[in-house]
């Protein structure tokens, strides 16, 4: 019962404050602005070089990378989040460093963003593993 009373008092205070604020001249001058944000997306990729040792052994795999896309769309700060093999990780990192992105924006201004990208290594005709199995 005490909780209902406290909530009722708190709501009444908020309502009263809002009513006082709305009655001032400053409230008429305030405008609500909503930022328009877009996320970075890939414009150009470079296929990773399949590690020869893994190809000879008939091994497929995937690597999940987190990377920073700067305001000009270039890639930096590449980190491996998951990978089925270190050789795939190395090849994926070399590849994505040459990718180019449309940078994300806020209100039309390009901003740096962090994105996550999967890189797959598949041998044609073989069933490929899922990223969830890493």
N, C-alpha and C. Protein backbone atom coordinates (compact mmCIF):
# COMPACT_ATOMS: atom_id res chain seq x y z
N UNK A 1 0.82 -1.19 0.00
CA UNK A 1 0.00 0.00 0.00
C UNK A 1 0.87 1.26 0.00
N UNK A 2 1.99 1.24 0.75
CA UNK A 2 2.87 2.40 0.81
C UNK A 2 3.48 2.69 -0.57
N UNK A 3 3.80 1.62 -1.31
CA UNK A 3 4.39 1.79 -2.63
C UNK A 3 3.43 2.51 -3.58
N UNK A 4 2.15 2.16 -3.55
CA UNK A 4 1.16 2.82 -4.40
C UNK A 4 1.06 4.30 -4.05
N UNK A 5 1.11 4.60 -2.76
CA UNK A 5 1.01 5.99 -2.32
C UNK A 5 2.23 6.79 -2.79
N UNK A 6 3.42 6.18 -2.66
CA UNK A 6 4.65 6.86 -3.09
C UNK A 6 4.62 7.10 -4.59
N UNK A 7 4.21 6.09 -5.35
CA UNK A 7 4.12 6.25 -6.80
C UNK A 7 3.12 7.33 -7.19
N UNK A 8 2.00 7.37 -6.49
CA UNK A 8 0.99 8.39 -6.77
C UNK A 8 1.52 9.78 -6.51
N UNK A 9 2.25 9.95 -5.43
CA UNK A 9 2.84 11.25 -5.09
C UNK A 9 3.88 11.64 -6.14
N UNK A 10 4.73 10.67 -6.53
CA UNK A 10 5.77 10.95 -7.52
C UNK A 10 5.15 11.35 -8.85
N UNK A 11 4.13 10.66 -9.29
CA UNK A 11 3.46 11.01 -10.55
C UNK A 11 2.81 12.38 -10.48
N UNK A 12 2.23 12.70 -9.34
CA UNK A 12 1.60 14.01 -9.17
C UNK A 12 2.66 15.11 -9.25
N UNK A 13 3.84 14.86 -8.66
CA UNK A 13 4.91 15.86 -8.71
C UNK A 13 5.43 16.04 -10.14
N UNK A 14 5.58 14.94 -10.85
CA UNK A 14 6.04 15.02 -12.23
C UNK A 14 5.02 15.79 -13.07
N UNK A 15 3.77 15.49 -12.90
CA UNK A 15 2.71 16.16 -13.65
C UNK A 15 2.70 17.65 -13.33
N UNK A 16 2.86 18.00 -12.07
CA UNK A 16 2.86 19.40 -11.67
C UNK A 16 4.05 20.14 -12.27
N UNK A 17 5.22 19.51 -12.24
CA UNK A 17 6.41 20.14 -12.82
C UNK A 17 6.24 20.33 -14.32
N UNK A 18 5.69 19.34 -14.97
CA UNK A 18 5.46 19.43 -16.41
C UNK A 18 4.50 20.55 -16.73
N UNK A 19 3.48 20.71 -15.93
CA UNK A 19 2.49 21.77 -16.18
C UNK A 19 3.12 23.13 -16.00
N UNK A 20 3.99 23.30 -15.00
CA UNK A 20 4.66 24.57 -14.78
C UNK A 20 5.60 24.86 -15.93
N UNK A 21 6.36 23.85 -16.37
CA UNK A 21 7.32 24.03 -17.45
C UNK A 21 6.59 24.41 -18.75
N UNK A 22 5.50 23.73 -19.03
CA UNK A 22 4.77 23.99 -20.26
C UNK A 22 4.18 25.39 -20.29
N UNK A 23 3.98 25.98 -19.14
CA UNK A 23 3.37 27.30 -19.09
C UNK A 23 4.39 28.42 -19.29
N UNK A 24 5.68 28.11 -19.32
CA UNK A 24 6.69 29.15 -19.48
C UNK A 24 6.92 29.48 -20.95
N UNK A 25 7.51 30.65 -21.22
CA UNK A 25 7.83 31.06 -22.58
C UNK A 25 8.92 30.19 -23.20
N UNK A 26 9.84 29.69 -22.35
CA UNK A 26 10.93 28.87 -22.84
C UNK A 26 10.41 27.61 -23.52
N UNK A 27 9.34 27.06 -23.02
CA UNK A 27 8.79 25.83 -23.59
C UNK A 27 8.35 26.04 -25.03
N UNK A 28 7.85 27.20 -25.34
CA UNK A 28 7.39 27.48 -26.70
C UNK A 28 8.56 27.54 -27.67
N UNK A 29 9.77 27.89 -27.19
CA UNK A 29 10.93 28.01 -28.05
C UNK A 29 11.63 26.67 -28.29
N UNK A 30 11.37 25.68 -27.44
CA UNK A 30 12.04 24.40 -27.57
C UNK A 30 11.48 23.62 -28.75
N UNK A 31 12.37 22.98 -29.48
CA UNK A 31 11.94 22.12 -30.56
C UNK A 31 12.53 20.74 -30.33
N UNK A 32 11.84 19.75 -30.75
CA UNK A 32 12.33 18.39 -30.63
C UNK A 32 13.06 18.04 -31.90
N UNK A 33 14.33 17.62 -31.75
CA UNK A 33 15.08 17.21 -32.93
C UNK A 33 15.38 15.73 -32.83
N UNK A 34 15.26 15.06 -33.95
CA UNK A 34 15.54 13.64 -34.02
C UNK A 34 16.71 13.46 -34.97
N UNK A 35 17.75 12.81 -34.48
CA UNK A 35 18.91 12.54 -35.33
C UNK A 35 18.60 11.39 -36.27
N UNK A 36 19.06 11.52 -37.49
CA UNK A 36 18.92 10.45 -38.47
C UNK A 36 20.26 9.75 -38.58
N UNK A 37 20.28 8.46 -38.26
CA UNK A 37 21.53 7.69 -38.23
C UNK A 37 21.46 6.57 -39.25
N UNK A 38 22.56 6.38 -39.99
CA UNK A 38 22.68 5.24 -40.90
C UNK A 38 23.92 4.45 -40.50
N UNK A 39 23.89 3.14 -40.74
CA UNK A 39 25.03 2.30 -40.42
C UNK A 39 25.94 2.14 -41.62
N UNK A 40 27.21 1.86 -41.34
CA UNK A 40 28.18 1.60 -42.40
C UNK A 40 27.81 0.32 -43.14
N UNK A 41 28.11 0.28 -44.43
CA UNK A 41 27.90 -0.94 -45.19
C UNK A 41 29.01 -1.09 -46.24
N UNK A 42 29.26 -2.34 -46.64
CA UNK A 42 30.35 -2.67 -47.54
C UNK A 42 30.06 -2.18 -48.96
N UNK A 43 31.04 -1.50 -49.54
CA UNK A 43 30.95 -1.08 -50.94
C UNK A 43 31.83 -1.96 -51.82
N UNK A 44 32.99 -2.34 -51.30
CA UNK A 44 33.95 -3.09 -52.09
C UNK A 44 34.69 -4.09 -51.21
N UNK A 45 34.75 -5.33 -51.66
CA UNK A 45 35.46 -6.36 -50.89
C UNK A 45 36.62 -6.92 -51.72
N UNK A 46 37.55 -7.52 -51.03
CA UNK A 46 38.65 -8.25 -51.65
C UNK A 46 38.55 -9.67 -51.09
N UNK A 47 38.45 -10.65 -51.97
CA UNK A 47 38.33 -12.04 -51.53
C UNK A 47 39.59 -12.46 -50.79
N UNK A 48 39.42 -13.17 -49.68
CA UNK A 48 40.60 -13.63 -48.94
C UNK A 48 41.34 -14.73 -49.72
N UNK A 49 42.65 -14.78 -49.53
CA UNK A 49 43.44 -15.84 -50.13
C UNK A 49 43.27 -17.09 -49.26
N UNK A 50 42.81 -18.16 -49.87
CA UNK A 50 42.58 -19.41 -49.14
C UNK A 50 43.94 -19.94 -48.69
N UNK A 51 44.12 -20.17 -47.39
CA UNK A 51 45.41 -20.71 -46.91
C UNK A 51 45.70 -22.05 -47.58
N UNK A 52 46.86 -22.16 -48.24
CA UNK A 52 47.17 -23.36 -49.03
C UNK A 52 47.16 -24.63 -48.19
N UNK A 53 47.66 -24.55 -46.97
CA UNK A 53 47.65 -25.73 -46.11
C UNK A 53 46.23 -26.23 -45.84
N UNK A 54 45.32 -25.31 -45.62
CA UNK A 54 43.93 -25.69 -45.34
C UNK A 54 43.26 -26.22 -46.61
N UNK A 55 43.60 -25.64 -47.76
CA UNK A 55 43.04 -26.09 -49.03
C UNK A 55 43.52 -27.52 -49.33
N UNK A 56 44.81 -27.78 -49.13
CA UNK A 56 45.37 -29.11 -49.37
C UNK A 56 44.73 -30.16 -48.46
N UNK A 57 44.40 -29.76 -47.26
CA UNK A 57 43.78 -30.68 -46.30
C UNK A 57 42.26 -30.77 -46.47
N UNK A 58 41.72 -29.96 -47.39
CA UNK A 58 40.28 -29.98 -47.62
C UNK A 58 39.49 -29.37 -46.46
N UNK A 59 40.10 -28.45 -45.74
CA UNK A 59 39.46 -27.82 -44.57
C UNK A 59 38.76 -26.53 -44.98
N UNK A 60 37.53 -26.37 -44.51
CA UNK A 60 36.76 -25.15 -44.69
C UNK A 60 36.61 -24.49 -43.33
N UNK A 61 36.22 -23.23 -43.34
CA UNK A 61 36.03 -22.56 -42.06
C UNK A 61 35.48 -21.17 -42.20
N UNK A 62 35.30 -20.55 -41.06
CA UNK A 62 34.81 -19.18 -41.01
C UNK A 62 35.54 -18.41 -39.93
N UNK A 63 35.58 -17.12 -40.13
CA UNK A 63 36.16 -16.21 -39.16
C UNK A 63 35.18 -15.05 -38.98
N UNK A 64 34.94 -14.68 -37.74
CA UNK A 64 34.08 -13.54 -37.44
C UNK A 64 34.97 -12.42 -36.93
N UNK A 65 34.93 -11.29 -37.62
CA UNK A 65 35.80 -10.15 -37.31
C UNK A 65 35.00 -8.95 -36.83
N UNK A 66 35.62 -8.19 -35.94
CA UNK A 66 35.09 -6.89 -35.54
C UNK A 66 36.10 -5.86 -36.03
N UNK A 67 35.63 -4.84 -36.72
CA UNK A 67 36.55 -3.85 -37.26
C UNK A 67 35.98 -2.45 -37.15
N UNK A 68 36.86 -1.50 -37.23
CA UNK A 68 36.47 -0.09 -37.16
C UNK A 68 36.45 0.47 -38.58
N UNK A 69 35.36 1.12 -38.93
CA UNK A 69 35.24 1.81 -40.21
C UNK A 69 35.31 3.30 -39.90
N UNK A 70 36.33 3.98 -40.45
CA UNK A 70 36.46 5.41 -40.13
C UNK A 70 35.50 6.24 -40.98
N UNK A 71 35.52 7.53 -40.77
CA UNK A 71 34.58 8.42 -41.45
C UNK A 71 34.79 8.50 -42.96
N UNK A 72 35.94 8.01 -43.44
CA UNK A 72 36.17 7.99 -44.89
C UNK A 72 35.87 6.62 -45.50
N UNK A 73 35.48 5.64 -44.65
CA UNK A 73 35.12 4.32 -45.14
C UNK A 73 36.24 3.31 -45.12
N UNK A 74 37.39 3.70 -44.59
CA UNK A 74 38.53 2.78 -44.53
C UNK A 74 38.49 1.96 -43.25
N UNK A 75 39.11 0.77 -43.31
CA UNK A 75 39.08 -0.20 -42.21
C UNK A 75 40.33 -0.08 -41.35
N UNK A 76 40.12 -0.18 -40.03
CA UNK A 76 41.24 -0.22 -39.09
C UNK A 76 40.83 -1.05 -37.87
N UNK A 77 41.75 -1.29 -36.99
CA UNK A 77 41.50 -1.98 -35.72
C UNK A 77 40.70 -3.27 -35.89
N UNK A 78 41.25 -4.20 -36.66
CA UNK A 78 40.58 -5.47 -36.91
C UNK A 78 40.88 -6.44 -35.78
N UNK A 79 39.82 -7.05 -35.23
CA UNK A 79 39.97 -8.03 -34.16
C UNK A 79 39.18 -9.29 -34.51
N UNK A 80 39.72 -10.44 -34.16
CA UNK A 80 39.05 -11.72 -34.39
C UNK A 80 38.14 -12.01 -33.20
N UNK A 81 36.85 -12.18 -33.47
CA UNK A 81 35.90 -12.55 -32.42
C UNK A 81 35.79 -14.07 -32.30
N UNK A 82 35.83 -14.75 -33.43
CA UNK A 82 35.77 -16.22 -33.45
C UNK A 82 36.35 -16.70 -34.76
N UNK A 83 36.97 -17.89 -34.73
CA UNK A 83 37.53 -18.44 -35.95
C UNK A 83 37.70 -19.94 -35.80
N UNK A 84 37.54 -20.63 -36.91
CA UNK A 84 37.71 -22.08 -36.88
C UNK A 84 39.18 -22.48 -36.97
N UNK A 85 40.06 -21.52 -37.37
CA UNK A 85 41.48 -21.82 -37.47
C UNK A 85 42.27 -20.52 -37.57
N UNK A 86 43.44 -20.49 -36.96
CA UNK A 86 44.31 -19.31 -36.98
C UNK A 86 44.70 -18.90 -38.39
N UNK A 87 44.92 -19.89 -39.27
CA UNK A 87 45.28 -19.57 -40.66
C UNK A 87 44.15 -18.83 -41.37
N UNK A 88 42.91 -19.21 -41.08
CA UNK A 88 41.77 -18.49 -41.65
C UNK A 88 41.69 -17.07 -41.08
N UNK A 89 41.99 -16.93 -39.80
CA UNK A 89 41.97 -15.60 -39.16
C UNK A 89 42.94 -14.66 -39.86
N UNK A 90 44.16 -15.13 -40.06
CA UNK A 90 45.19 -14.29 -40.69
C UNK A 90 44.80 -13.87 -42.10
N UNK A 91 44.27 -14.82 -42.87
CA UNK A 91 43.86 -14.51 -44.25
C UNK A 91 42.67 -13.54 -44.26
N UNK A 92 41.74 -13.72 -43.34
CA UNK A 92 40.56 -12.85 -43.27
C UNK A 92 40.98 -11.42 -42.91
N UNK A 93 41.88 -11.28 -41.95
CA UNK A 93 42.33 -9.95 -41.54
C UNK A 93 43.00 -9.23 -42.71
N UNK A 94 43.89 -9.93 -43.43
CA UNK A 94 44.56 -9.31 -44.59
C UNK A 94 43.53 -8.86 -45.62
N UNK A 95 42.51 -9.67 -45.82
CA UNK A 95 41.48 -9.36 -46.80
C UNK A 95 40.68 -8.12 -46.41
N UNK A 96 40.11 -8.09 -45.20
CA UNK A 96 39.21 -6.98 -44.83
C UNK A 96 39.94 -5.65 -44.69
N UNK A 97 41.24 -5.68 -44.49
CA UNK A 97 41.98 -4.41 -44.44
C UNK A 97 41.96 -3.70 -45.79
N UNK A 98 41.58 -4.44 -46.83
CA UNK A 98 41.48 -3.85 -48.18
C UNK A 98 40.04 -3.62 -48.61
N UNK A 99 39.10 -3.86 -47.73
CA UNK A 99 37.69 -3.59 -48.03
C UNK A 99 37.44 -2.10 -47.90
N UNK A 100 36.37 -1.66 -48.57
CA UNK A 100 35.99 -0.24 -48.48
C UNK A 100 34.51 -0.17 -48.15
N UNK A 101 34.16 0.71 -47.24
CA UNK A 101 32.79 0.85 -46.75
C UNK A 101 32.21 2.23 -47.05
N UNK A 102 30.90 2.27 -47.14
CA UNK A 102 30.17 3.54 -47.07
C UNK A 102 30.08 3.80 -45.57
N UNK A 103 30.66 4.88 -45.07
CA UNK A 103 30.65 5.07 -43.61
C UNK A 103 29.24 5.35 -43.09
N UNK A 104 29.06 5.07 -41.82
CA UNK A 104 27.80 5.41 -41.17
C UNK A 104 27.70 6.92 -41.05
N UNK A 105 26.49 7.41 -40.85
CA UNK A 105 26.29 8.86 -40.72
C UNK A 105 25.32 9.18 -39.58
N UNK A 106 25.43 10.37 -39.08
CA UNK A 106 24.45 10.95 -38.17
C UNK A 106 24.11 12.31 -38.76
N UNK A 107 22.86 12.50 -39.09
CA UNK A 107 22.38 13.73 -39.73
C UNK A 107 23.20 14.09 -40.97
N UNK A 108 23.56 13.07 -41.74
CA UNK A 108 24.28 13.29 -42.99
C UNK A 108 25.78 13.46 -42.86
N UNK A 109 26.31 13.45 -41.64
CA UNK A 109 27.74 13.62 -41.42
C UNK A 109 28.36 12.24 -41.16
N UNK A 110 29.40 11.90 -41.93
CA UNK A 110 30.07 10.60 -41.77
C UNK A 110 30.70 10.47 -40.39
N UNK A 111 30.54 9.28 -39.80
CA UNK A 111 31.08 9.01 -38.46
C UNK A 111 31.81 7.66 -38.47
N UNK A 112 32.79 7.49 -37.59
CA UNK A 112 33.42 6.18 -37.46
C UNK A 112 32.46 5.22 -36.74
N UNK A 113 32.51 3.95 -37.10
CA UNK A 113 31.66 2.94 -36.47
C UNK A 113 32.41 1.63 -36.37
N UNK A 114 31.98 0.79 -35.44
CA UNK A 114 32.49 -0.56 -35.32
C UNK A 114 31.47 -1.51 -35.92
N UNK A 115 31.93 -2.41 -36.78
CA UNK A 115 31.04 -3.37 -37.42
C UNK A 115 31.60 -4.78 -37.26
N UNK A 116 30.73 -5.75 -37.38
CA UNK A 116 31.11 -7.15 -37.31
C UNK A 116 30.84 -7.79 -38.65
N UNK A 117 31.85 -8.51 -39.18
CA UNK A 117 31.69 -9.16 -40.48
C UNK A 117 32.18 -10.60 -40.44
N UNK A 118 31.42 -11.51 -41.05
CA UNK A 118 31.89 -12.89 -41.19
C UNK A 118 32.68 -13.04 -42.49
N UNK A 119 33.72 -13.86 -42.45
CA UNK A 119 34.49 -14.17 -43.66
C UNK A 119 34.51 -15.70 -43.76
N UNK A 120 34.00 -16.20 -44.88
CA UNK A 120 33.90 -17.65 -45.07
C UNK A 120 34.99 -18.17 -46.00
N UNK A 121 35.46 -19.37 -45.69
CA UNK A 121 36.42 -20.08 -46.53
C UNK A 121 35.76 -21.39 -46.92
N UNK A 122 35.34 -21.47 -48.17
CA UNK A 122 34.59 -22.62 -48.64
C UNK A 122 35.24 -23.22 -49.87
N UNK A 123 35.22 -24.54 -49.92
CA UNK A 123 35.70 -25.25 -51.09
C UNK A 123 34.47 -25.65 -51.89
N UNK A 124 34.46 -25.29 -53.17
CA UNK A 124 33.29 -25.55 -54.00
C UNK A 124 32.93 -27.04 -53.98
N UNK A 125 31.64 -27.30 -53.78
CA UNK A 125 31.14 -28.67 -53.77
C UNK A 125 31.14 -29.33 -52.40
N UNK A 126 31.69 -28.66 -51.41
CA UNK A 126 31.70 -29.20 -50.04
C UNK A 126 30.68 -28.46 -49.21
N UNK A 127 30.07 -29.16 -48.24
CA UNK A 127 29.14 -28.51 -47.32
C UNK A 127 29.97 -27.66 -46.35
N UNK A 128 29.49 -26.43 -46.07
CA UNK A 128 30.27 -25.53 -45.24
C UNK A 128 29.72 -25.48 -43.81
N UNK A 129 30.62 -25.28 -42.82
CA UNK A 129 30.20 -25.18 -41.43
C UNK A 129 29.54 -23.85 -41.15
N UNK A 130 28.70 -23.81 -40.13
CA UNK A 130 28.05 -22.54 -39.77
C UNK A 130 28.92 -21.78 -38.81
N UNK A 131 28.75 -20.46 -38.76
CA UNK A 131 29.50 -19.61 -37.84
C UNK A 131 29.19 -19.97 -36.39
N UNK A 132 28.01 -20.49 -36.15
CA UNK A 132 27.61 -20.87 -34.78
C UNK A 132 28.43 -22.02 -34.26
N UNK A 133 29.06 -22.80 -35.14
CA UNK A 133 29.84 -23.96 -34.70
C UNK A 133 31.26 -23.59 -34.30
N UNK A 134 31.63 -22.31 -34.41
CA UNK A 134 32.99 -21.89 -34.08
C UNK A 134 33.23 -21.95 -32.60
